[in-house]
PDB file of N, CA and C in Angstrom:
ATOM      1  N   UNK A   1     -88.527   2.846  39.536  1.00  0.00           N
ATOM      2  CA  UNK A   1     -89.403   1.886  38.886  1.00  0.00           C
ATOM      3  C   UNK A   1     -89.419   0.596  39.703  1.00  0.00           C
ATOM      4  N   UNK A   2     -90.599   0.094  39.973  1.00  0.00           N
ATOM      5  CA  UNK A   2     -90.773  -1.077  40.812  1.00  0.00           C
ATOM      6  C   UNK A   2     -90.208  -2.339  40.154  1.00  0.00           C
ATOM      7  N   UNK A   3     -90.362  -2.475  38.852  1.00  0.00           N
ATOM      8  CA  UNK A   3     -89.860  -3.657  38.161  1.00  0.00           C
ATOM      9  C   UNK A   3     -88.344  -3.777  38.301  1.00  0.00           C
ATOM     10  N   UNK A   4     -87.653  -2.648  38.326  1.00  0.00           N
ATOM     11  CA  UNK A   4     -86.201  -2.670  38.459  1.00  0.00           C
ATOM     12  C   UNK A   4     -85.780  -3.220  39.815  1.00  0.00           C
ATOM     13  N   UNK A   5     -86.434  -2.806  40.885  1.00  0.00           N
ATOM     14  CA  UNK A   5     -86.072  -3.320  42.207  1.00  0.00           C
ATOM     15  C   UNK A   5     -86.439  -4.798  42.340  1.00  0.00           C
ATOM     16  N   UNK A   6     -87.552  -5.219  41.766  1.00  0.00           N
ATOM     17  CA  UNK A   6     -87.906  -6.641  41.776  1.00  0.00           C
ATOM     18  C   UNK A   6     -86.891  -7.456  40.986  1.00  0.00           C
ATOM     19  N   UNK A   7     -86.470  -6.930  39.840  1.00  0.00           N
ATOM     20  CA  UNK A   7     -85.477  -7.626  39.022  1.00  0.00           C
ATOM     21  C   UNK A   7     -84.165  -7.784  39.779  1.00  0.00           C
ATOM     22  N   UNK A   8     -83.758  -6.779  40.526  1.00  0.00           N
ATOM     23  CA  UNK A   8     -82.532  -6.881  41.325  1.00  0.00           C
ATOM     24  C   UNK A   8     -82.674  -7.945  42.414  1.00  0.00           C
ATOM     25  N   UNK A   9     -83.850  -8.041  43.029  1.00  0.00           N
ATOM     26  CA  UNK A   9     -84.082  -9.074  44.049  1.00  0.00           C
ATOM     27  C   UNK A   9     -84.005 -10.467  43.436  1.00  0.00           C
ATOM     28  N   UNK A  10     -84.643 -10.641  42.275  1.00  0.00           N
ATOM     29  CA  UNK A  10     -84.626 -11.932  41.591  1.00  0.00           C
ATOM     30  C   UNK A  10     -83.194 -12.304  41.213  1.00  0.00           C
ATOM     31  N   UNK A  11     -82.441 -11.341  40.710  1.00  0.00           N
ATOM     32  CA  UNK A  11     -81.058 -11.586  40.329  1.00  0.00           C
ATOM     33  C   UNK A  11     -80.220 -11.994  41.541  1.00  0.00           C
ATOM     34  N   UNK A  12     -80.378 -11.282  42.646  1.00  0.00           N
ATOM     35  CA  UNK A  12     -79.602 -11.603  43.849  1.00  0.00           C
ATOM     36  C   UNK A  12     -79.888 -13.020  44.327  1.00  0.00           C
ATOM     37  N   UNK A  13     -81.159 -13.413  44.344  1.00  0.00           N
ATOM     38  CA  UNK A  13     -81.518 -14.770  44.748  1.00  0.00           C
ATOM     39  C   UNK A  13     -80.930 -15.804  43.783  1.00  0.00           C
ATOM     40  N   UNK A  14     -80.977 -15.492  42.510  1.00  0.00           N
ATOM     41  CA  UNK A  14     -80.469 -16.406  41.487  1.00  0.00           C
ATOM     42  C   UNK A  14     -78.967 -16.610  41.613  1.00  0.00           C
ATOM     43  N   UNK A  15     -78.245 -15.523  41.795  1.00  0.00           N
ATOM     44  CA  UNK A  15     -76.790 -15.621  41.919  1.00  0.00           C
ATOM     45  C   UNK A  15     -76.393 -16.342  43.203  1.00  0.00           C
ATOM     46  N   UNK A  16     -77.134 -16.102  44.275  1.00  0.00           N
ATOM     47  CA  UNK A  16     -76.865 -16.801  45.533  1.00  0.00           C
ATOM     48  C   UNK A  16     -77.078 -18.305  45.370  1.00  0.00           C
ATOM     49  N   UNK A  17     -78.119 -18.697  44.645  1.00  0.00           N
ATOM     50  CA  UNK A  17     -78.386 -20.125  44.418  1.00  0.00           C
ATOM     51  C   UNK A  17     -77.285 -20.754  43.566  1.00  0.00           C
ATOM     52  N   UNK A  18     -76.834 -20.053  42.542  1.00  0.00           N
ATOM     53  CA  UNK A  18     -75.758 -20.582  41.699  1.00  0.00           C
ATOM     54  C   UNK A  18     -74.496 -20.785  42.528  1.00  0.00           C
ATOM     55  N   UNK A  19     -74.184 -19.837  43.389  1.00  0.00           N
ATOM     56  CA  UNK A  19     -73.007 -19.947  44.250  1.00  0.00           C
ATOM     57  C   UNK A  19     -73.169 -21.100  45.235  1.00  0.00           C
ATOM     58  N   UNK A  20     -74.351 -21.196  45.864  1.00  0.00           N
ATOM     59  CA  UNK A  20     -74.620 -22.262  46.838  1.00  0.00           C
ATOM     60  C   UNK A  20     -74.493 -23.631  46.187  1.00  0.00           C
ATOM     61  N   UNK A  21     -74.979 -23.743  44.949  1.00  0.00           N
ATOM     62  CA  UNK A  21     -74.954 -25.026  44.248  1.00  0.00           C
ATOM     63  C   UNK A  21     -73.571 -25.333  43.657  1.00  0.00           C
ATOM     64  N   UNK A  22     -72.679 -24.355  43.706  1.00  0.00           N
ATOM     65  CA  UNK A  22     -71.348 -24.560  43.140  1.00  0.00           C
ATOM     66  C   UNK A  22     -71.351 -24.614  41.630  1.00  0.00           C
ATOM     67  N   UNK A  23     -72.363 -24.031  41.024  1.00  0.00           N
ATOM     68  CA  UNK A  23     -72.497 -24.044  39.568  1.00  0.00           C
ATOM     69  C   UNK A  23     -72.123 -22.681  38.996  1.00  0.00           C
ATOM     70  N   UNK A  24     -71.831 -22.661  37.707  1.00  0.00           N
ATOM     71  CA  UNK A  24     -71.322 -21.449  37.081  1.00  0.00           C
ATOM     72  C   UNK A  24     -72.405 -20.550  36.486  1.00  0.00           C
ATOM     73  N   UNK A  25     -73.532 -21.099  36.043  1.00  0.00           N
ATOM     74  CA  UNK A  25     -74.515 -20.308  35.320  1.00  0.00           C
ATOM     75  C   UNK A  25     -75.921 -20.512  35.855  1.00  0.00           C
ATOM     76  N   UNK A  26     -76.687 -19.434  35.816  1.00  0.00           N
ATOM     77  CA  UNK A  26     -78.126 -19.500  36.081  1.00  0.00           C
ATOM     78  C   UNK A  26     -78.788 -19.652  34.720  1.00  0.00           C
ATOM     79  N   UNK A  27     -79.612 -20.687  34.571  1.00  0.00           N
ATOM     80  CA  UNK A  27     -80.266 -20.945  33.275  1.00  0.00           C
ATOM     81  C   UNK A  27     -81.707 -20.439  33.250  1.00  0.00           C
ATOM     82  N   UNK A  28     -82.497 -20.793  34.276  1.00  0.00           N
ATOM     83  CA  UNK A  28     -83.924 -20.443  34.314  1.00  0.00           C
ATOM     84  C   UNK A  28     -84.310 -20.086  35.748  1.00  0.00           C
ATOM     85  N   UNK A  29     -85.108 -19.026  35.880  1.00  0.00           N
ATOM     86  CA  UNK A  29     -85.650 -18.643  37.173  1.00  0.00           C
ATOM     87  C   UNK A  29     -87.169 -18.693  37.056  1.00  0.00           C
ATOM     88  N   UNK A  30     -87.822 -19.481  37.939  1.00  0.00           N
ATOM     89  CA  UNK A  30     -89.274 -19.616  37.916  1.00  0.00           C
ATOM     90  C   UNK A  30     -89.861 -19.133  39.239  1.00  0.00           C
ATOM     91  N   UNK A  31     -91.001 -18.461  39.149  1.00  0.00           N
ATOM     92  CA  UNK A  31     -91.655 -18.007  40.370  1.00  0.00           C
ATOM     93  C   UNK A  31     -92.835 -17.125  40.068  1.00  0.00           C
ATOM     94  N   UNK A  32     -93.191 -16.305  41.067  1.00  0.00           N
ATOM     95  CA  UNK A  32     -94.303 -15.384  40.863  1.00  0.00           C
ATOM     96  C   UNK A  32     -94.132 -14.153  41.729  1.00  0.00           C
ATOM     97  N   UNK A  33     -94.759 -13.089  41.274  1.00  0.00           N
ATOM     98  CA  UNK A  33     -94.793 -11.836  42.013  1.00  0.00           C
ATOM     99  C   UNK A  33     -96.259 -11.479  42.190  1.00  0.00           C
ATOM    100  N   UNK A  34     -96.696 -11.364  43.440  1.00  0.00           N
ATOM    101  CA  UNK A  34     -98.073 -10.965  43.745  1.00  0.00           C
ATOM    102  C   UNK A  34     -98.011  -9.553  44.318  1.00  0.00           C
ATOM    103  N   UNK A  35     -98.674  -8.626  43.660  1.00  0.00           N
ATOM    104  CA  UNK A  35     -98.584  -7.214  44.012  1.00  0.00           C
ATOM    105  C   UNK A  35     -99.928  -6.531  43.925  1.00  0.00           C
ATOM    106  N   UNK A  36    -100.003  -5.359  44.522  1.00  0.00           N
ATOM    107  CA  UNK A  36    -101.186  -4.508  44.377  1.00  0.00           C
ATOM    108  C   UNK A  36    -100.948  -3.457  43.304  1.00  0.00           C
ATOM    109  N   UNK A  37     -99.862  -3.578  42.593  1.00  0.00           N
ATOM    110  CA  UNK A  37     -99.564  -2.680  41.482  1.00  0.00           C
ATOM    111  C   UNK A  37     -99.723  -3.442  40.177  1.00  0.00           C
ATOM    112  N   UNK A  38     -99.945  -2.715  39.125  1.00  0.00           N
ATOM    113  CA  UNK A  38     -99.968  -3.323  37.803  1.00  0.00           C
ATOM    114  C   UNK A  38     -98.537  -3.319  37.301  1.00  0.00           C
ATOM    115  N   UNK A  39     -97.955  -4.483  37.211  1.00  0.00           N
ATOM    116  CA  UNK A  39     -96.573  -4.614  36.788  1.00  0.00           C
ATOM    117  C   UNK A  39     -96.513  -5.026  35.325  1.00  0.00           C
ATOM    118  N   UNK A  40     -95.417  -4.700  34.690  1.00  0.00           N
ATOM    119  CA  UNK A  40     -95.196  -5.074  33.301  1.00  0.00           C
ATOM    120  C   UNK A  40     -94.201  -6.222  33.253  1.00  0.00           C
ATOM    121  N   UNK A  41     -94.641  -7.343  32.686  1.00  0.00           N
ATOM    122  CA  UNK A  41     -93.752  -8.499  32.561  1.00  0.00           C
ATOM    123  C   UNK A  41     -92.576  -8.153  31.653  1.00  0.00           C
ATOM    124  N   UNK A  42     -92.842  -7.439  30.563  1.00  0.00           N
ATOM    125  CA  UNK A  42     -91.768  -7.056  29.637  1.00  0.00           C
ATOM    126  C   UNK A  42     -90.745  -6.168  30.339  1.00  0.00           C
ATOM    127  N   UNK A  43     -91.208  -5.248  31.167  1.00  0.00           N
ATOM    128  CA  UNK A  43     -90.306  -4.364  31.898  1.00  0.00           C
ATOM    129  C   UNK A  43     -89.491  -5.140  32.924  1.00  0.00           C
ATOM    130  N   UNK A  44     -90.128  -6.095  33.609  1.00  0.00           N
ATOM    131  CA  UNK A  44     -89.419  -6.921  34.581  1.00  0.00           C
ATOM    132  C   UNK A  44     -88.295  -7.697  33.893  1.00  0.00           C
ATOM    133  N   UNK A  45     -88.605  -8.290  32.748  1.00  0.00           N
ATOM    134  CA  UNK A  45     -87.590  -9.032  31.996  1.00  0.00           C
ATOM    135  C   UNK A  45     -86.465  -8.123  31.518  1.00  0.00           C
ATOM    136  N   UNK A  46     -86.827  -6.960  31.007  1.00  0.00           N
ATOM    137  CA  UNK A  46     -85.833  -6.005  30.525  1.00  0.00           C
ATOM    138  C   UNK A  46     -84.868  -5.626  31.648  1.00  0.00           C
ATOM    139  N   UNK A  47     -85.402  -5.300  32.814  1.00  0.00           N
ATOM    140  CA  UNK A  47     -84.562  -4.923  33.942  1.00  0.00           C
ATOM    141  C   UNK A  47     -83.724  -6.094  34.437  1.00  0.00           C
ATOM    142  N   UNK A  48     -84.315  -7.283  34.487  1.00  0.00           N
ATOM    143  CA  UNK A  48     -83.562  -8.454  34.918  1.00  0.00           C
ATOM    144  C   UNK A  48     -82.354  -8.667  34.013  1.00  0.00           C
ATOM    145  N   UNK A  49     -82.579  -8.657  32.704  1.00  0.00           N
ATOM    146  CA  UNK A  49     -81.486  -8.905  31.759  1.00  0.00           C
ATOM    147  C   UNK A  49     -80.443  -7.789  31.812  1.00  0.00           C
ATOM    148  N   UNK A  50     -80.881  -6.561  32.025  1.00  0.00           N
ATOM    149  CA  UNK A  50     -79.929  -5.445  32.129  1.00  0.00           C
ATOM    150  C   UNK A  50     -79.058  -5.596  33.371  1.00  0.00           C
ATOM    151  N   UNK A  51     -79.658  -5.929  34.504  1.00  0.00           N
ATOM    152  CA  UNK A  51     -78.904  -6.104  35.744  1.00  0.00           C
ATOM    153  C   UNK A  51     -78.035  -7.363  35.697  1.00  0.00           C
ATOM    154  N   UNK A  52     -78.462  -8.376  34.955  1.00  0.00           N
ATOM    155  CA  UNK A  52     -77.739  -9.647  34.899  1.00  0.00           C
ATOM    156  C   UNK A  52     -76.545  -9.613  33.952  1.00  0.00           C
ATOM    157  N   UNK A  53     -76.465  -8.611  33.103  1.00  0.00           N
ATOM    158  CA  UNK A  53     -75.363  -8.536  32.143  1.00  0.00           C
ATOM    159  C   UNK A  53     -74.026  -8.612  32.879  1.00  0.00           C
ATOM    160  N   UNK A  54     -73.152  -9.478  32.393  1.00  0.00           N
ATOM    161  CA  UNK A  54     -71.837  -9.634  32.989  1.00  0.00           C
ATOM    162  C   UNK A  54     -71.799 -10.484  34.251  1.00  0.00           C
ATOM    163  N   UNK A  55     -72.933 -11.100  34.610  1.00  0.00           N
ATOM    164  CA  UNK A  55     -72.979 -11.965  35.790  1.00  0.00           C
ATOM    165  C   UNK A  55     -73.237 -13.401  35.356  1.00  0.00           C
ATOM    166  N   UNK A  56     -73.273 -14.301  36.321  1.00  0.00           N
ATOM    167  CA  UNK A  56     -73.559 -15.714  36.049  1.00  0.00           C
ATOM    168  C   UNK A  56     -75.002 -15.933  35.604  1.00  0.00           C
ATOM    169  N   UNK A  57     -75.829 -14.895  35.670  1.00  0.00           N
ATOM    170  CA  UNK A  57     -77.223 -15.011  35.239  1.00  0.00           C
ATOM    171  C   UNK A  57     -77.468 -14.371  33.872  1.00  0.00           C
ATOM    172  N   UNK A  58     -76.423 -13.899  33.235  1.00  0.00           N
ATOM    173  CA  UNK A  58     -76.577 -13.296  31.907  1.00  0.00           C
ATOM    174  C   UNK A  58     -77.191 -14.324  30.963  1.00  0.00           C
ATOM    175  N   UNK A  59     -78.248 -13.944  30.277  1.00  0.00           N
ATOM    176  CA  UNK A  59     -78.925 -14.831  29.338  1.00  0.00           C
ATOM    177  C   UNK A  59     -79.907 -15.804  29.958  1.00  0.00           C
ATOM    178  N   UNK A  60     -80.079 -15.753  31.266  1.00  0.00           N
ATOM    179  CA  UNK A  60     -81.021 -16.668  31.930  1.00  0.00           C
ATOM    180  C   UNK A  60     -82.449 -16.362  31.497  1.00  0.00           C
ATOM    181  N   UNK A  61     -83.257 -17.394  31.443  1.00  0.00           N
ATOM    182  CA  UNK A  61     -84.673 -17.239  31.108  1.00  0.00           C
ATOM    183  C   UNK A  61     -85.441 -16.933  32.379  1.00  0.00           C
ATOM    184  N   UNK A  62     -86.328 -15.962  32.307  1.00  0.00           N
ATOM    185  CA  UNK A  62     -87.123 -15.550  33.456  1.00  0.00           C
ATOM    186  C   UNK A  62     -88.567 -15.987  33.224  1.00  0.00           C
ATOM    187  N   UNK A  63     -89.056 -16.894  34.076  1.00  0.00           N
ATOM    188  CA  UNK A  63     -90.430 -17.387  33.983  1.00  0.00           C
ATOM    189  C   UNK A  63     -91.160 -17.004  35.269  1.00  0.00           C
ATOM    190  N   UNK A  64     -91.551 -15.753  35.326  1.00  0.00           N
ATOM    191  CA  UNK A  64     -92.195 -15.196  36.516  1.00  0.00           C
ATOM    192  C   UNK A  64     -93.641 -14.851  36.173  1.00  0.00           C
ATOM    193  N   UNK A  65     -94.559 -15.390  36.950  1.00  0.00           N
ATOM    194  CA  UNK A  65     -95.979 -15.076  36.781  1.00  0.00           C
ATOM    195  C   UNK A  65     -96.295 -13.835  37.614  1.00  0.00           C
ATOM    196  N   UNK A  66     -96.965 -12.871  36.996  1.00  0.00           N
ATOM    197  CA  UNK A  66     -97.374 -11.666  37.695  1.00  0.00           C
ATOM    198  C   UNK A  66     -98.835 -11.796  38.101  1.00  0.00           C
ATOM    199  N   UNK A  67     -99.116 -11.610  39.391  1.00  0.00           N
ATOM    200  CA  UNK A  67    -100.465 -11.757  39.931  1.00  0.00           C
ATOM    201  C   UNK A  67    -100.855 -10.450  40.611  1.00  0.00           C
ATOM    202  N   UNK A  68    -101.992  -9.884  40.219  1.00  0.00           N
ATOM    203  CA  UNK A  68    -102.488  -8.668  40.867  1.00  0.00           C
ATOM    204  C   UNK A  68    -103.418  -9.073  42.013  1.00  0.00           C
ATOM    205  N   UNK A  69    -103.085  -8.648  43.222  1.00  0.00           N
ATOM    206  CA  UNK A  69    -103.857  -9.007  44.410  1.00  0.00           C
ATOM    207  C   UNK A  69    -105.015  -8.030  44.592  1.00  0.00           C
ATOM    208  N   UNK A  70    -106.219  -8.565  44.739  1.00  0.00           N
ATOM    209  CA  UNK A  70    -107.404  -7.734  44.952  1.00  0.00           C
ATOM    210  C   UNK A  70    -107.576  -7.424  46.435  1.00  0.00           C
ATOM    211  N   UNK A  71    -108.495  -6.487  46.706  1.00  0.00           N
ATOM    212  CA  UNK A  71    -108.826  -6.123  48.089  1.00  0.00           C
ATOM    213  C   UNK A  71    -110.339  -6.159  48.258  1.00  0.00           C
ATOM    214  N   UNK A  72    -110.775  -6.273  49.533  1.00  0.00           N
ATOM    215  CA  UNK A  72    -112.198  -6.211  49.871  1.00  0.00           C
ATOM    216  C   UNK A  72    -112.369  -5.070  50.862  1.00  0.00           C
ATOM    217  N   UNK A  73    -113.349  -4.220  50.562  1.00  0.00           N
ATOM    218  CA  UNK A  73    -113.645  -3.087  51.430  1.00  0.00           C
ATOM    219  C   UNK A  73    -114.413  -3.572  52.654  1.00  0.00           C
ATOM    220  N   UNK A  74    -113.925  -3.229  53.823  1.00  0.00           N
ATOM    221  CA  UNK A  74    -114.615  -3.617  55.061  1.00  0.00           C
ATOM    222  C   UNK A  74    -115.866  -2.761  55.282  1.00  0.00           C
ATOM    223  N   UNK A  75    -115.917  -1.596  54.673  1.00  0.00           N
ATOM    224  CA  UNK A  75    -117.060  -0.699  54.860  1.00  0.00           C
ATOM    225  C   UNK A  75    -118.260  -1.107  53.997  1.00  0.00           C
ATOM    226  N   UNK A  76    -118.018  -1.374  52.704  1.00  0.00           N
ATOM    227  CA  UNK A  76    -119.150  -1.661  51.809  1.00  0.00           C
ATOM    228  C   UNK A  76    -119.117  -3.058  51.203  1.00  0.00           C
ATOM    229  N   UNK A  77    -118.010  -3.798  51.400  1.00  0.00           N
ATOM    230  CA  UNK A  77    -117.914  -5.162  50.885  1.00  0.00           C
ATOM    231  C   UNK A  77    -117.471  -5.283  49.440  1.00  0.00           C
ATOM    232  N   UNK A  78    -117.202  -4.169  48.777  1.00  0.00           N
ATOM    233  CA  UNK A  78    -116.798  -4.207  47.373  1.00  0.00           C
ATOM    234  C   UNK A  78    -115.446  -4.906  47.214  1.00  0.00           C
ATOM    235  N   UNK A  79    -115.285  -5.606  46.107  1.00  0.00           N
ATOM    236  CA  UNK A  79    -114.008  -6.218  45.732  1.00  0.00           C
ATOM    237  C   UNK A  79    -113.425  -5.322  44.641  1.00  0.00           C
ATOM    238  N   UNK A  80    -112.172  -4.935  44.801  1.00  0.00           N
ATOM    239  CA  UNK A  80    -111.563  -4.016  43.839  1.00  0.00           C
ATOM    240  C   UNK A  80    -110.065  -4.279  43.734  1.00  0.00           C
ATOM    241  N   UNK A  81    -109.449  -3.648  42.740  1.00  0.00           N
ATOM    242  CA  UNK A  81    -108.021  -3.784  42.513  1.00  0.00           C
ATOM    243  C   UNK A  81    -107.321  -2.517  42.996  1.00  0.00           C
ATOM    244  N   UNK A  82    -106.626  -2.600  44.115  1.00  0.00           N
ATOM    245  CA  UNK A  82    -105.898  -1.419  44.594  1.00  0.00           C
ATOM    246  C   UNK A  82    -104.742  -1.081  43.651  1.00  0.00           C
ATOM    247  N   UNK A  83    -104.350   0.165  43.667  1.00  0.00           N
ATOM    248  CA  UNK A  83    -103.228   0.614  42.849  1.00  0.00           C
ATOM    249  C   UNK A  83    -102.167   1.243  43.730  1.00  0.00           C
ATOM    250  N   UNK A  84    -100.938   0.964  43.418  1.00  0.00           N
ATOM    251  CA  UNK A  84     -99.787   1.593  44.078  1.00  0.00           C
ATOM    252  C   UNK A  84     -99.821   1.432  45.595  1.00  0.00           C
ATOM    253  N   UNK A  85    -100.205   0.276  46.060  1.00  0.00           N
ATOM    254  CA  UNK A  85    -100.211  -0.064  47.487  1.00  0.00           C
ATOM    255  C   UNK A  85    -101.199   0.767  48.295  1.00  0.00           C
ATOM    256  N   UNK A  86    -102.125   1.454  47.647  1.00  0.00           N
ATOM    257  CA  UNK A  86    -103.140   2.246  48.348  1.00  0.00           C
ATOM    258  C   UNK A  86    -104.441   1.460  48.323  1.00  0.00           C
ATOM    259  N   UNK A  87    -104.929   1.067  49.493  1.00  0.00           N
ATOM    260  CA  UNK A  87    -106.141   0.261  49.592  1.00  0.00           C
ATOM    261  C   UNK A  87    -107.326   1.222  49.734  1.00  0.00           C
ATOM    262  N   UNK A  88    -107.637   1.905  48.632  1.00  0.00           N
ATOM    263  CA  UNK A  88    -108.728   2.884  48.583  1.00  0.00           C
ATOM    264  C   UNK A  88    -109.870   2.282  47.777  1.00  0.00           C
ATOM    265  N   UNK A  89    -111.017   2.088  48.419  1.00  0.00           N
ATOM    266  CA  UNK A  89    -112.159   1.458  47.764  1.00  0.00           C
ATOM    267  C   UNK A  89    -112.649   2.307  46.602  1.00  0.00           C
ATOM    268  N   UNK A  90    -112.816   1.664  45.468  1.00  0.00           N
ATOM    269  CA  UNK A  90    -113.316   2.359  44.288  1.00  0.00           C
ATOM    270  C   UNK A  90    -114.819   2.565  44.355  1.00  0.00           C
ATOM    271  N   UNK A  91    -115.495   1.876  45.286  1.00  0.00           N
ATOM    272  CA  UNK A  91    -116.937   2.017  45.432  1.00  0.00           C
ATOM    273  C   UNK A  91    -117.339   3.140  46.365  1.00  0.00           C
ATOM    274  N   UNK A  92    -116.761   3.136  47.592  1.00  0.00           N
ATOM    275  CA  UNK A  92    -117.202   4.108  48.596  1.00  0.00           C
ATOM    276  C   UNK A  92    -116.102   5.061  49.050  1.00  0.00           C
ATOM    277  N   UNK A  93    -114.862   4.820  48.639  1.00  0.00           N
ATOM    278  CA  UNK A  93    -113.765   5.706  49.009  1.00  0.00           C
ATOM    279  C   UNK A  93    -113.112   5.387  50.344  1.00  0.00           C
ATOM    280  N   UNK A  94    -113.565   4.350  51.013  1.00  0.00           N
ATOM    281  CA  UNK A  94    -112.996   3.972  52.304  1.00  0.00           C
ATOM    282  C   UNK A  94    -111.563   3.475  52.140  1.00  0.00           C
ATOM    283  N   UNK A  95    -110.756   3.722  53.154  1.00  0.00           N
ATOM    284  CA  UNK A  95    -109.395   3.183  53.169  1.00  0.00           C
ATOM    285  C   UNK A  95    -109.303   1.958  54.079  1.00  0.00           C
ATOM    286  N   UNK A  96    -110.445   1.466  54.532  1.00  0.00           N
ATOM    287  CA  UNK A  96    -110.480   0.298  55.409  1.00  0.00           C
ATOM    288  C   UNK A  96    -110.696  -0.955  54.569  1.00  0.00           C
ATOM    289  N   UNK A  97    -109.644  -1.376  53.910  1.00  0.00           N
ATOM    290  CA  UNK A  97    -109.731  -2.555  53.061  1.00  0.00           C
ATOM    291  C   UNK A  97    -108.754  -3.616  53.496  1.00  0.00           C
ATOM    292  N   UNK A  98    -109.005  -4.840  53.079  1.00  0.00           N
ATOM    293  CA  UNK A  98    -108.097  -5.939  53.377  1.00  0.00           C
ATOM    294  C   UNK A  98    -107.716  -6.630  52.082  1.00  0.00           C
ATOM    295  N   UNK A  99    -106.446  -6.974  51.969  1.00  0.00           N
ATOM    296  CA  UNK A  99    -105.978  -7.676  50.786  1.00  0.00           C
ATOM    297  C   UNK A  99    -106.484  -9.101  50.804  1.00  0.00           C
ATOM    298  N   UNK A 100    -106.826  -9.616  49.631  1.00  0.00           N
ATOM    299  CA  UNK A 100    -107.372 -10.972  49.510  1.00  0.00           C
ATOM    300  C   UNK A 100    -106.319 -11.982  49.086  1.00  0.00           C
ATOM    301  N   UNK A 101    -105.114 -11.715  49.419  1.00  0.00           N
ATOM    302  CA  UNK A 101    -104.029 -12.636  49.104  1.00  0.00           C
ATOM    303  C   UNK A 101    -102.716 -12.038  49.557  1.00  0.00           C
ATOM    304  N   UNK A 102    -101.728 -12.889  49.627  1.00  0.00           N
ATOM    305  CA  UNK A 102    -100.407 -12.437  50.044  1.00  0.00           C
ATOM    306  C   UNK A 102     -99.721 -11.694  48.904  1.00  0.00           C
ATOM    307  N   UNK A 103     -98.929 -10.715  49.264  1.00  0.00           N
ATOM    308  CA  UNK A 103     -98.134 -10.006  48.275  1.00  0.00           C
ATOM    309  C   UNK A 103     -96.679 -10.409  48.436  1.00  0.00           C
ATOM    310  N   UNK A 104     -95.915 -10.190  47.424  1.00  0.00           N
ATOM    311  CA  UNK A 104     -94.488 -10.451  47.521  1.00  0.00           C
ATOM    312  C   UNK A 104     -93.958 -11.260  46.352  1.00  0.00           C
ATOM    313  N   UNK A 105     -92.727 -11.651  46.504  1.00  0.00           N
ATOM    314  CA  UNK A 105     -91.995 -12.377  45.482  1.00  0.00           C
ATOM    315  C   UNK A 105     -91.726 -13.794  45.968  1.00  0.00           C
ATOM    316  N   UNK A 106     -92.053 -14.790  45.145  1.00  0.00           N
ATOM    317  CA  UNK A 106     -91.767 -16.191  45.447  1.00  0.00           C
ATOM    318  C   UNK A 106     -90.960 -16.771  44.301  1.00  0.00           C
ATOM    319  N   UNK A 107     -89.788 -17.246  44.620  1.00  0.00           N
ATOM    320  CA  UNK A 107     -88.997 -17.957  43.621  1.00  0.00           C
ATOM    321  C   UNK A 107     -89.208 -19.439  43.895  1.00  0.00           C
ATOM    322  N   UNK A 108     -89.769 -20.128  42.920  1.00  0.00           N
ATOM    323  CA  UNK A 108     -90.087 -21.543  43.087  1.00  0.00           C
ATOM    324  C   UNK A 108     -88.927 -22.441  42.694  1.00  0.00           C
ATOM    325  N   UNK A 109     -88.176 -22.042  41.669  1.00  0.00           N
ATOM    326  CA  UNK A 109     -87.005 -22.833  41.302  1.00  0.00           C
ATOM    327  C   UNK A 109     -86.025 -21.985  40.516  1.00  0.00           C
ATOM    328  N   UNK A 110     -84.773 -22.350  40.665  1.00  0.00           N
ATOM    329  CA  UNK A 110     -83.697 -21.711  39.915  1.00  0.00           C
ATOM    330  C   UNK A 110     -82.868 -22.841  39.331  1.00  0.00           C
ATOM    331  N   UNK A 111     -82.844 -22.928  38.016  1.00  0.00           N
ATOM    332  CA  UNK A 111     -82.047 -23.954  37.352  1.00  0.00           C
ATOM    333  C   UNK A 111     -80.655 -23.395  37.107  1.00  0.00           C
ATOM    334  N   UNK A 112     -79.655 -24.099  37.582  1.00  0.00           N
ATOM    335  CA  UNK A 112     -78.273 -23.698  37.384  1.00  0.00           C
ATOM    336  C   UNK A 112     -77.529 -24.842  36.715  1.00  0.00           C
ATOM    337  N   UNK A 113     -76.431 -24.518  36.037  1.00  0.00           N
ATOM    338  CA  UNK A 113     -75.665 -25.548  35.355  1.00  0.00           C
ATOM    339  C   UNK A 113     -74.206 -25.128  35.311  1.00  0.00           C
ATOM    340  N   UNK A 114     -73.373 -26.121  35.166  1.00  0.00           N
ATOM    341  CA  UNK A 114     -71.946 -25.882  35.004  1.00  0.00           C
ATOM    342  C   UNK A 114     -71.727 -25.205  33.653  1.00  0.00           C
ATOM    343  N   UNK A 115     -70.744 -24.362  33.585  1.00  0.00           N
ATOM    344  CA  UNK A 115     -70.423 -23.597  32.370  1.00  0.00           C
ATOM    345  C   UNK A 115     -70.216 -24.503  31.165  1.00  0.00           C
ATOM    346  N   UNK A 116     -69.612 -25.677  31.378  1.00  0.00           N
ATOM    347  CA  UNK A 116     -69.271 -26.556  30.264  1.00  0.00           C
ATOM    348  C   UNK A 116     -70.422 -27.434  29.789  1.00  0.00           C
ATOM    349  N   UNK A 117     -71.489 -27.532  30.577  1.00  0.00           N
ATOM    350  CA  UNK A 117     -72.625 -28.374  30.189  1.00  0.00           C
ATOM    351  C   UNK A 117     -73.590 -27.614  29.316  1.00  0.00           C
ATOM    352  N   UNK A 118     -74.309 -28.343  28.502  1.00  0.00           N
ATOM    353  CA  UNK A 118     -75.352 -27.733  27.670  1.00  0.00           C
ATOM    354  C   UNK A 118     -76.516 -27.318  28.550  1.00  0.00           C
ATOM    355  N   UNK A 119     -77.290 -26.288  28.150  1.00  0.00           N
ATOM    356  CA  UNK A 119     -78.441 -25.832  28.949  1.00  0.00           C
ATOM    357  C   UNK A 119     -79.509 -26.872  29.089  1.00  0.00           C
TER     358      UNK A 119
END
């Protein structure tokens, strides 16, 4: 499941930031995921919390915006939503398409705090 691997990446970045900052807990993770797949925000959160159990990110709030990246067909000019990383035009069937935005994971901020401080 793609959401599970994304959740593990987010968790790893979050824990690294908490360690770098010398803080005990990850409170909030903010960012976005731009993909050519249809992702489930609920599934991403579920996997994040499952992987974070027993770590410094347990109970952290996940504020990740999911963005579906469209493609443009070079053959017919159609704009469409690719699925599963396959840039197959829904209009003419061409595989000669270009993505209209960057894909990937961007973490914009990670709020961390000392264990003894209030969130």
